[in-house]
Amino acid sequence: MSMREVLATLETLKPTERQAVRLRLAELDDETWCDDGELSSPERMLLDQRLGAVEANPHAGSLWPAVEARLLRR
């Protein structure tokens, strides 16, 4: 099967089948997903802190259109 055929076949797979492909590719590349996609305690704490900061000052950030415009100007 050619690379083009493999890539075309990926588009026809169900989400669970694509996940199986991702896991197999990680195995082949000797990469393992030890956490089953779960956040660690420090990651959860960081997200909670950042969420708290946004809730405390919701207008401190920029709206996406403004951020996108800045990035496109670079």
PDB file of N, CA and C in Angstrom:
ATOM      1  N   MET A   1       0.853  -1.170   0.000  1.00  0.00           N
ATOM      2  CA  MET A   1       0.000   0.000   0.000  1.00  0.00           C
ATOM      3  C   MET A   1       0.903   1.238   0.000  1.00  0.00           C
ATOM      4  N   SER A   2       0.612   2.166  -0.855  1.00  0.00           N
ATOM      5  CA  SER A   2       1.427   3.374  -0.956  1.00  0.00           C
ATOM      6  C   SER A   2       1.071   4.352   0.160  1.00  0.00           C
ATOM      7  N   MET A   3       1.960   5.305   0.377  1.00  0.00           N
ATOM      8  CA  MET A   3       1.718   6.337   1.388  1.00  0.00           C
ATOM      9  C   MET A   3       0.435   7.093   1.072  1.00  0.00           C
ATOM     10  N   ARG A   4       0.215   7.391  -0.182  1.00  0.00           N
ATOM     11  CA  ARG A   4      -0.999   8.107  -0.593  1.00  0.00           C
ATOM     12  C   ARG A   4      -2.245   7.298  -0.234  1.00  0.00           C
ATOM     13  N   GLU A   5      -2.182   5.998  -0.451  1.00  0.00           N
ATOM     14  CA  GLU A   5      -3.324   5.134  -0.119  1.00  0.00           C
ATOM     15  C   GLU A   5      -3.546   5.073   1.389  1.00  0.00           C
ATOM     16  N   VAL A   6      -2.459   5.000   2.139  1.00  0.00           N
ATOM     17  CA  VAL A   6      -2.573   4.971   3.597  1.00  0.00           C
ATOM     18  C   VAL A   6      -3.227   6.248   4.088  1.00  0.00           C
ATOM     19  N   LEU A   7      -2.758   7.390   3.607  1.00  0.00           N
ATOM     20  CA  LEU A   7      -3.307   8.669   4.036  1.00  0.00           C
ATOM     21  C   LEU A   7      -4.775   8.814   3.640  1.00  0.00           C
ATOM     22  N   ALA A   8      -5.124   8.345   2.465  1.00  0.00           N
ATOM     23  CA  ALA A   8      -6.517   8.409   2.021  1.00  0.00           C
ATOM     24  C   ALA A   8      -7.394   7.515   2.890  1.00  0.00           C
ATOM     25  N   THR A   9      -6.859   6.371   3.292  1.00  0.00           N
ATOM     26  CA  THR A   9      -7.617   5.441   4.119  1.00  0.00           C
ATOM     27  C   THR A   9      -7.870   6.023   5.505  1.00  0.00           C
ATOM     28  N   LEU A  10      -6.931   6.794   6.023  1.00  0.00           N
ATOM     29  CA  LEU A  10      -7.097   7.389   7.353  1.00  0.00           C
ATOM     30  C   LEU A  10      -8.373   8.231   7.439  1.00  0.00           C
ATOM     31  N   GLU A  11      -8.693   8.892   6.354  1.00  0.00           N
ATOM     32  CA  GLU A  11      -9.877   9.757   6.346  1.00  0.00           C
ATOM     33  C   GLU A  11     -11.176   8.969   6.483  1.00  0.00           C
ATOM     34  N   THR A  12     -11.142   7.695   6.183  1.00  0.00           N
ATOM     35  CA  THR A  12     -12.360   6.874   6.232  1.00  0.00           C
ATOM     36  C   THR A  12     -12.545   6.179   7.576  1.00  0.00           C
ATOM     37  N   LEU A  13     -11.554   6.278   8.441  1.00  0.00           N
ATOM     38  CA  LEU A  13     -11.614   5.574   9.716  1.00  0.00           C
ATOM     39  C   LEU A  13     -12.494   6.289  10.726  1.00  0.00           C
ATOM     40  N   LYS A  14     -13.062   5.488  11.627  1.00  0.00           N
ATOM     41  CA  LYS A  14     -13.837   6.033  12.741  1.00  0.00           C
ATOM     42  C   LYS A  14     -12.852   6.605  13.758  1.00  0.00           C
ATOM     43  N   PRO A  15     -13.308   7.519  14.630  1.00  0.00           N
ATOM     44  CA  PRO A  15     -12.418   8.101  15.631  1.00  0.00           C
ATOM     45  C   PRO A  15     -11.685   7.055  16.476  1.00  0.00           C
ATOM     46  N   THR A  16     -12.364   6.007  16.882  1.00  0.00           N
ATOM     47  CA  THR A  16     -11.705   4.974  17.683  1.00  0.00           C
ATOM     48  C   THR A  16     -10.632   4.250  16.882  1.00  0.00           C
ATOM     49  N   GLU A  17     -10.856   4.095  15.588  1.00  0.00           N
ATOM     50  CA  GLU A  17      -9.856   3.449  14.735  1.00  0.00           C
ATOM     51  C   GLU A  17      -8.641   4.362  14.552  1.00  0.00           C
ATOM     52  N   ARG A  18      -8.899   5.670  14.410  1.00  0.00           N
ATOM     53  CA  ARG A  18      -7.777   6.611  14.285  1.00  0.00           C
ATOM     54  C   ARG A  18      -6.956   6.648  15.574  1.00  0.00           C
ATOM     55  N   GLN A  19      -7.637   6.526  16.716  1.00  0.00           N
ATOM     56  CA  GLN A  19      -6.918   6.494  17.991  1.00  0.00           C
ATOM     57  C   GLN A  19      -6.021   5.259  18.042  1.00  0.00           C
ATOM     58  N   ALA A  20      -6.508   4.125  17.571  1.00  0.00           N
ATOM     59  CA  ALA A  20      -5.700   2.906  17.539  1.00  0.00           C
ATOM     60  C   ALA A  20      -4.472   3.102  16.646  1.00  0.00           C
ATOM     61  N   VAL A  21      -4.640   3.809  15.537  1.00  0.00           N
ATOM     62  CA  VAL A  21      -3.522   4.092  14.638  1.00  0.00           C
ATOM     63  C   VAL A  21      -2.499   4.971  15.354  1.00  0.00           C
ATOM     64  N   ARG A  22      -2.986   6.021  16.060  1.00  0.00           N
ATOM     65  CA  ARG A  22      -2.075   6.902  16.793  1.00  0.00           C
ATOM     66  C   ARG A  22      -1.269   6.133  17.830  1.00  0.00           C
ATOM     67  N   LEU A  23      -1.944   5.258  18.569  1.00  0.00           N
ATOM     68  CA  LEU A  23      -1.255   4.476  19.589  1.00  0.00           C
ATOM     69  C   LEU A  23      -0.218   3.549  18.966  1.00  0.00           C
ATOM     70  N   ARG A  24      -0.569   2.938  17.839  1.00  0.00           N
ATOM     71  CA  ARG A  24       0.383   2.040  17.174  1.00  0.00           C
ATOM     72  C   ARG A  24       1.594   2.809  16.656  1.00  0.00           C
ATOM     73  N   LEU A  25       1.369   3.997  16.104  1.00  0.00           N
ATOM     74  CA  LEU A  25       2.478   4.826  15.643  1.00  0.00           C
ATOM     75  C   LEU A  25       3.378   5.220  16.808  1.00  0.00           C
ATOM     76  N   ALA A  26       2.779   5.541  17.955  1.00  0.00           N
ATOM     77  CA  ALA A  26       3.576   5.878  19.130  1.00  0.00           C
ATOM     78  C   ALA A  26       4.412   4.680  19.559  1.00  0.00           C
ATOM     79  N   GLU A  27       3.835   3.484  19.489  1.00  0.00           N
ATOM     80  CA  GLU A  27       4.592   2.268  19.816  1.00  0.00           C
ATOM     81  C   GLU A  27       5.768   2.099  18.865  1.00  0.00           C
ATOM     82  N   LEU A  28       5.513   2.289  17.592  1.00  0.00           N
ATOM     83  CA  LEU A  28       6.574   2.130  16.603  1.00  0.00           C
ATOM     84  C   LEU A  28       7.694   3.147  16.807  1.00  0.00           C
ATOM     85  N   ASP A  29       7.329   4.333  17.276  1.00  0.00           N
ATOM     86  CA  ASP A  29       8.313   5.380  17.534  1.00  0.00           C
ATOM     87  C   ASP A  29       8.862   5.291  18.947  1.00  0.00           C
ATOM     88  N   ASP A  30       8.485   4.235  19.653  1.00  0.00           N
ATOM     89  CA  ASP A  30       8.923   3.990  21.027  1.00  0.00           C
ATOM     90  C   ASP A  30       8.494   5.110  21.958  1.00  0.00           C
ATOM     91  N   GLU A  31       7.298   5.622  21.745  1.00  0.00           N
ATOM     92  CA  GLU A  31       6.726   6.630  22.620  1.00  0.00           C
ATOM     93  C   GLU A  31       5.502   6.010  23.277  1.00  0.00           C
ATOM     94  N   THR A  32       5.393   6.144  24.561  1.00  0.00           N
ATOM     95  CA  THR A  32       4.247   5.566  25.250  1.00  0.00           C
ATOM     96  C   THR A  32       3.428   6.664  25.904  1.00  0.00           C
ATOM     97  N   TRP A  33       2.164   6.407  26.015  1.00  0.00           N
ATOM     98  CA  TRP A  33       1.240   7.312  26.691  1.00  0.00           C
ATOM     99  C   TRP A  33       0.946   6.685  28.048  1.00  0.00           C
ATOM    100  N   CYS A  34       1.725   7.024  29.021  1.00  0.00           N
ATOM    101  CA  CYS A  34       1.601   6.411  30.335  1.00  0.00           C
ATOM    102  C   CYS A  34       0.444   6.987  31.144  1.00  0.00           C
ATOM    103  N   ASP A  35      -0.028   8.139  30.783  1.00  0.00           N
ATOM    104  CA  ASP A  35      -1.018   8.814  31.615  1.00  0.00           C
ATOM    105  C   ASP A  35      -2.450   8.665  31.120  1.00  0.00           C
ATOM    106  N   ASP A  36      -2.678   7.937  30.056  1.00  0.00           N
ATOM    107  CA  ASP A  36      -4.022   7.774  29.485  1.00  0.00           C
ATOM    108  C   ASP A  36      -4.690   9.113  29.218  1.00  0.00           C
ATOM    109  N   GLY A  37      -3.887  10.151  28.978  1.00  0.00           N
ATOM    110  CA  GLY A  37      -4.447  11.460  28.659  1.00  0.00           C
ATOM    111  C   GLY A  37      -4.894  12.255  29.866  1.00  0.00           C
ATOM    112  N   GLU A  38      -4.605  11.769  31.069  1.00  0.00           N
ATOM    113  CA  GLU A  38      -5.012  12.470  32.283  1.00  0.00           C
ATOM    114  C   GLU A  38      -3.987  13.541  32.641  1.00  0.00           C
ATOM    115  N   LEU A  39      -4.470  14.621  33.223  1.00  0.00           N
ATOM    116  CA  LEU A  39      -3.582  15.680  33.685  1.00  0.00           C
ATOM    117  C   LEU A  39      -2.951  15.275  35.014  1.00  0.00           C
ATOM    118  N   SER A  40      -1.717  15.684  35.201  1.00  0.00           N
ATOM    119  CA  SER A  40      -1.064  15.456  36.483  1.00  0.00           C
ATOM    120  C   SER A  40      -1.570  16.507  37.482  1.00  0.00           C
ATOM    121  N   SER A  41      -1.290  16.298  38.758  1.00  0.00           N
ATOM    122  CA  SER A  41      -1.696  17.271  39.778  1.00  0.00           C
ATOM    123  C   SER A  41      -1.102  18.652  39.524  1.00  0.00           C
ATOM    124  N   PRO A  42       0.210  18.747  39.196  1.00  0.00           N
ATOM    125  CA  PRO A  42       0.750  20.090  38.901  1.00  0.00           C
ATOM    126  C   PRO A  42       0.085  20.741  37.684  1.00  0.00           C
ATOM    127  N   GLU A  43      -0.249  19.943  36.674  1.00  0.00           N
ATOM    128  CA  GLU A  43      -0.919  20.502  35.491  1.00  0.00           C
ATOM    129  C   GLU A  43      -2.310  21.011  35.861  1.00  0.00           C
ATOM    130  N   ARG A  44      -3.022  20.241  36.677  1.00  0.00           N
ATOM    131  CA  ARG A  44      -4.356  20.676  37.121  1.00  0.00           C
ATOM    132  C   ARG A  44      -4.258  21.976  37.932  1.00  0.00           C
ATOM    133  N   MET A  45      -3.270  22.047  38.831  1.00  0.00           N
ATOM    134  CA  MET A  45      -3.094  23.244  39.647  1.00  0.00           C
ATOM    135  C   MET A  45      -2.799  24.462  38.772  1.00  0.00           C
ATOM    136  N   LEU A  46      -1.947  24.286  37.759  1.00  0.00           N
ATOM    137  CA  LEU A  46      -1.629  25.386  36.859  1.00  0.00           C
ATOM    138  C   LEU A  46      -2.868  25.860  36.111  1.00  0.00           C
ATOM    139  N   LEU A  47      -3.656  24.922  35.601  1.00  0.00           N
ATOM    140  CA  LEU A  47      -4.884  25.304  34.899  1.00  0.00           C
ATOM    141  C   LEU A  47      -5.863  25.998  35.838  1.00  0.00           C
ATOM    142  N   ASP A  48      -5.977  25.488  37.066  1.00  0.00           N
ATOM    143  CA  ASP A  48      -6.864  26.131  38.044  1.00  0.00           C
ATOM    144  C   ASP A  48      -6.407  27.547  38.358  1.00  0.00           C
ATOM    145  N   GLN A  49      -5.087  27.759  38.487  1.00  0.00           N
ATOM    146  CA  GLN A  49      -4.556  29.096  38.742  1.00  0.00           C
ATOM    147  C   GLN A  49      -4.871  30.036  37.586  1.00  0.00           C
ATOM    148  N   ARG A  50      -4.663  29.552  36.382  1.00  0.00           N
ATOM    149  CA  ARG A  50      -4.907  30.399  35.208  1.00  0.00           C
ATOM    150  C   ARG A  50      -6.389  30.702  35.045  1.00  0.00           C
ATOM    151  N   LEU A  51      -7.236  29.716  35.330  1.00  0.00           N
ATOM    152  CA  LEU A  51      -8.676  29.952  35.269  1.00  0.00           C
ATOM    153  C   LEU A  51      -9.074  30.977  36.316  1.00  0.00           C
ATOM    154  N   GLY A  52      -8.503  30.866  37.509  1.00  0.00           N
ATOM    155  CA  GLY A  52      -8.795  31.831  38.564  1.00  0.00           C
ATOM    156  C   GLY A  52      -8.385  33.234  38.160  1.00  0.00           C
ATOM    157  N   ALA A  53      -7.240  33.363  37.503  1.00  0.00           N
ATOM    158  CA  ALA A  53      -6.778  34.677  37.053  1.00  0.00           C
ATOM    159  C   ALA A  53      -7.727  35.269  36.019  1.00  0.00           C
ATOM    160  N   VAL A  54      -8.220  34.441  35.123  1.00  0.00           N
ATOM    161  CA  VAL A  54      -9.158  34.918  34.094  1.00  0.00           C
ATOM    162  C   VAL A  54     -10.482  35.325  34.742  1.00  0.00           C
ATOM    163  N   GLU A  55     -10.941  34.516  35.695  1.00  0.00           N
ATOM    164  CA  GLU A  55     -12.204  34.845  36.358  1.00  0.00           C
ATOM    165  C   GLU A  55     -12.079  36.120  37.189  1.00  0.00           C
ATOM    166  N   ALA A  56     -10.906  36.344  37.786  1.00  0.00           N
ATOM    167  CA  ALA A  56     -10.696  37.537  38.601  1.00  0.00           C
ATOM    168  C   ALA A  56     -10.601  38.797  37.748  1.00  0.00           C
ATOM    169  N   ASN A  57     -10.085  38.676  36.534  1.00  0.00           N
ATOM    170  CA  ASN A  57      -9.908  39.835  35.669  1.00  0.00           C
ATOM    171  C   ASN A  57     -10.189  39.425  34.223  1.00  0.00           C
ATOM    172  N   PRO A  58     -11.452  39.240  33.880  1.00  0.00           N
ATOM    173  CA  PRO A  58     -11.797  38.702  32.557  1.00  0.00           C
ATOM    174  C   PRO A  58     -11.428  39.602  31.380  1.00  0.00           C
ATOM    175  N   HIS A  59     -11.167  40.865  31.633  1.00  0.00           N
ATOM    176  CA  HIS A  59     -10.849  41.789  30.535  1.00  0.00           C
ATOM    177  C   HIS A  59      -9.348  42.009  30.361  1.00  0.00           C
ATOM    178  N   ALA A  60      -8.536  41.245  31.085  1.00  0.00           N
ATOM    179  CA  ALA A  60      -7.083  41.435  31.022  1.00  0.00           C
ATOM    180  C   ALA A  60      -6.500  40.899  29.716  1.00  0.00           C
ATOM    181  N   GLY A  61      -7.144  39.948  29.112  1.00  0.00           N
ATOM    182  CA  GLY A  61      -6.618  39.348  27.892  1.00  0.00           C
ATOM    183  C   GLY A  61      -7.111  40.064  26.649  1.00  0.00           C
ATOM    184  N   SER A  62      -6.768  39.485  25.513  1.00  0.00           N
ATOM    185  CA  SER A  62      -7.178  40.044  24.226  1.00  0.00           C
ATOM    186  C   SER A  62      -8.162  39.103  23.554  1.00  0.00           C
ATOM    187  N   LEU A  63      -9.042  39.673  22.767  1.00  0.00           N
ATOM    188  CA  LEU A  63      -9.962  38.857  21.986  1.00  0.00           C
ATOM    189  C   LEU A  63      -9.189  38.208  20.839  1.00  0.00           C
ATOM    190  N   TRP A  64      -9.663  37.045  20.410  1.00  0.00           N
ATOM    191  CA  TRP A  64      -8.951  36.316  19.371  1.00  0.00           C
ATOM    192  C   TRP A  64      -8.697  37.138  18.107  1.00  0.00           C
ATOM    193  N   PRO A  65      -9.648  37.908  17.590  1.00  0.00           N
ATOM    194  CA  PRO A  65      -9.363  38.678  16.374  1.00  0.00           C
ATOM    195  C   PRO A  65      -8.166  39.617  16.544  1.00  0.00           C
ATOM    196  N   ALA A  66      -8.013  40.212  17.725  1.00  0.00           N
ATOM    197  CA  ALA A  66      -6.880  41.106  17.951  1.00  0.00           C
ATOM    198  C   ALA A  66      -5.569  40.323  18.005  1.00  0.00           C
ATOM    199  N   VAL A  67      -5.592  39.174  18.661  1.00  0.00           N
ATOM    200  CA  VAL A  67      -4.399  38.327  18.735  1.00  0.00           C
ATOM    201  C   VAL A  67      -4.008  37.849  17.344  1.00  0.00           C
ATOM    202  N   GLU A  68      -4.985  37.401  16.593  1.00  0.00           N
ATOM    203  CA  GLU A  68      -4.733  36.908  15.218  1.00  0.00           C
ATOM    204  C   GLU A  68      -4.129  38.018  14.355  1.00  0.00           C
ATOM    205  N   ALA A  69      -4.677  39.210  14.469  1.00  0.00           N
ATOM    206  CA  ALA A  69      -4.178  40.334  13.684  1.00  0.00           C
ATOM    207  C   ALA A  69      -2.718  40.632  14.030  1.00  0.00           C
ATOM    208  N   ARG A  70      -2.386  40.600  15.327  1.00  0.00           N
ATOM    209  CA  ARG A  70      -0.996  40.823  15.736  1.00  0.00           C
ATOM    210  C   ARG A  70      -0.074  39.760  15.170  1.00  0.00           C
ATOM    211  N   LEU A  71      -0.517  38.524  15.204  1.00  0.00           N
ATOM    212  CA  LEU A  71       0.308  37.433  14.687  1.00  0.00           C
ATOM    213  C   LEU A  71       0.508  37.547  13.179  1.00  0.00           C
ATOM    214  N   LEU A  72      -0.533  37.941  12.476  1.00  0.00           N
ATOM    215  CA  LEU A  72      -0.440  38.060  11.026  1.00  0.00           C
ATOM    216  C   LEU A  72       0.445  39.218  10.587  1.00  0.00           C
ATOM    217  N   ARG A  73       0.556  40.239  11.437  1.00  0.00           N
ATOM    218  CA  ARG A  73       1.414  41.372  11.111  1.00  0.00           C
ATOM    219  C   ARG A  73       2.897  41.037  11.237  1.00  0.00           C
ATOM    220  N   ARG A  74       3.233  39.994  11.970  1.00  0.00           N
ATOM    221  CA  ARG A  74       4.651  39.619  12.174  1.00  0.00           C
ATOM    222  C   ARG A  74       5.289  39.096  10.937  1.00  0.00           C
TER     223      ARG A  74
END
